[in-house]
Protein backbone atom coordinates (compact mmCIF):
# COMPACT_ATOMS: atom_id res chain seq x y z
CA MET A 1 64.51 9.00 75.34
CA THR A 2 65.43 10.31 71.92
CA HIS A 3 68.88 10.06 70.41
CA LYS A 4 70.64 13.43 70.23
CA ARG A 5 73.06 14.01 67.36
CA GLU A 6 76.64 14.84 68.35
CA ILE A 7 79.11 16.73 66.18
CA GLN A 8 82.82 17.32 66.66
CA GLY A 9 84.62 20.31 65.22
CA VAL A 10 87.09 23.13 65.67
CA VAL A 11 86.11 26.59 66.91
CA VAL A 12 86.81 29.09 64.13
CA LYS A 13 85.13 32.20 65.55
CA LYS A 14 83.64 33.63 68.72
CA SER A 15 80.31 34.90 67.40
CA GLY A 16 78.86 37.24 69.98
CA ASP A 17 77.86 36.52 73.57
CA LYS A 18 77.55 32.80 74.50
CA THR A 19 77.94 31.69 70.88
CA ALA A 20 80.78 30.10 68.93
CA SER A 21 81.08 29.01 65.31
CA ILE A 22 82.59 25.57 64.73
CA LEU A 23 83.79 23.91 61.53
CA VAL A 24 82.86 20.24 61.15
CA THR A 25 84.83 18.14 58.66
CA ARG A 26 83.58 14.83 57.27
CA SER A 27 85.01 12.46 54.67
CA VAL A 28 82.78 11.11 51.91
CA LEU A 29 83.43 8.91 48.92
CA HIS A 30 83.13 10.71 45.58
CA PRO A 31 80.38 9.00 43.54
CA LYS A 32 82.23 9.04 40.23
CA TYR A 33 85.93 8.99 41.07
CA HIS A 34 85.71 6.77 44.20
CA LYS A 35 88.15 8.96 46.08
CA THR A 36 87.70 10.21 49.63
CA VAL A 37 87.01 13.95 49.65
CA LYS A 38 86.48 16.34 52.57
CA ARG A 39 83.22 18.18 53.11
CA PHE A 40 82.92 21.13 55.51
CA LYS A 41 80.01 22.74 57.32
CA LYS A 42 79.81 25.47 59.95
CA TYR A 43 77.48 25.33 62.93
CA LEU A 44 76.67 27.86 65.63
CA ILE A 45 76.80 26.36 69.11
CA HIS A 46 75.67 27.67 72.48
CA ASP A 47 78.49 28.24 75.00
CA GLU A 48 76.77 29.10 78.28
CA LYS A 49 79.92 29.94 80.28
CA ASN A 50 81.85 31.72 77.46
CA GLU A 51 84.77 29.31 77.94
CA LEU A 52 85.63 28.59 74.28
CA ASN A 53 88.53 30.10 72.37
CA GLU A 54 89.50 29.89 68.71
CA GLY A 55 91.28 26.64 67.86
CA ASP A 56 89.56 24.51 70.53
CA THR A 57 88.26 21.10 69.50
CA VAL A 58 84.78 20.55 70.92
CA ILE A 59 81.85 18.14 70.95
CA ALA A 60 78.37 19.66 70.62
CA VAL A 61 75.02 17.97 71.13
CA GLU A 62 71.75 18.75 69.38
CA CYS A 63 69.08 20.56 71.37
CA ARG A 64 65.93 22.59 70.86
CA PRO A 65 66.31 25.67 68.64
CA LEU A 66 67.89 28.43 70.73
CA SER A 67 67.71 30.99 67.92
CA LYS A 68 67.10 31.10 64.18
CA THR A 69 70.41 29.38 63.36
CA LYS A 70 71.54 27.87 66.69
CA SER A 71 70.41 24.31 67.55
CA PHE A 72 73.49 22.82 69.22
CA ARG A 73 74.97 23.31 72.67
CA LEU A 74 78.45 22.65 73.99
CA LYS A 75 78.96 19.22 75.56
CA THR A 76 82.72 18.97 76.17
CA ILE A 77 86.00 20.53 75.17
CA VAL A 78 88.20 17.77 73.73
CA ALA A 79 91.39 19.80 73.23
CA THR A 80 92.39 23.41 73.67
CA GLY A 81 93.90 25.40 70.84
CA VAL A 82 97.21 27.24 70.71
CA LYS A 83 97.12 30.60 72.47
């Protein structure tokens, strides 16, 4: 069995039917100044049941390409956002 990559992020937008956009934050060490800096990247994830709302913290797992830009699907909702 192959290892599937998991990402954790915050839902920033509901992007159409069964799709959500999440923002993933990671901390890296700056090569010159040796200070921890934040790096951000957005991913489109597949939400089969349309259960996500903006502000939710989620875990997504890598899967086969579902569209041109969508290669992750929802695994679990870690925390719900403020309504």
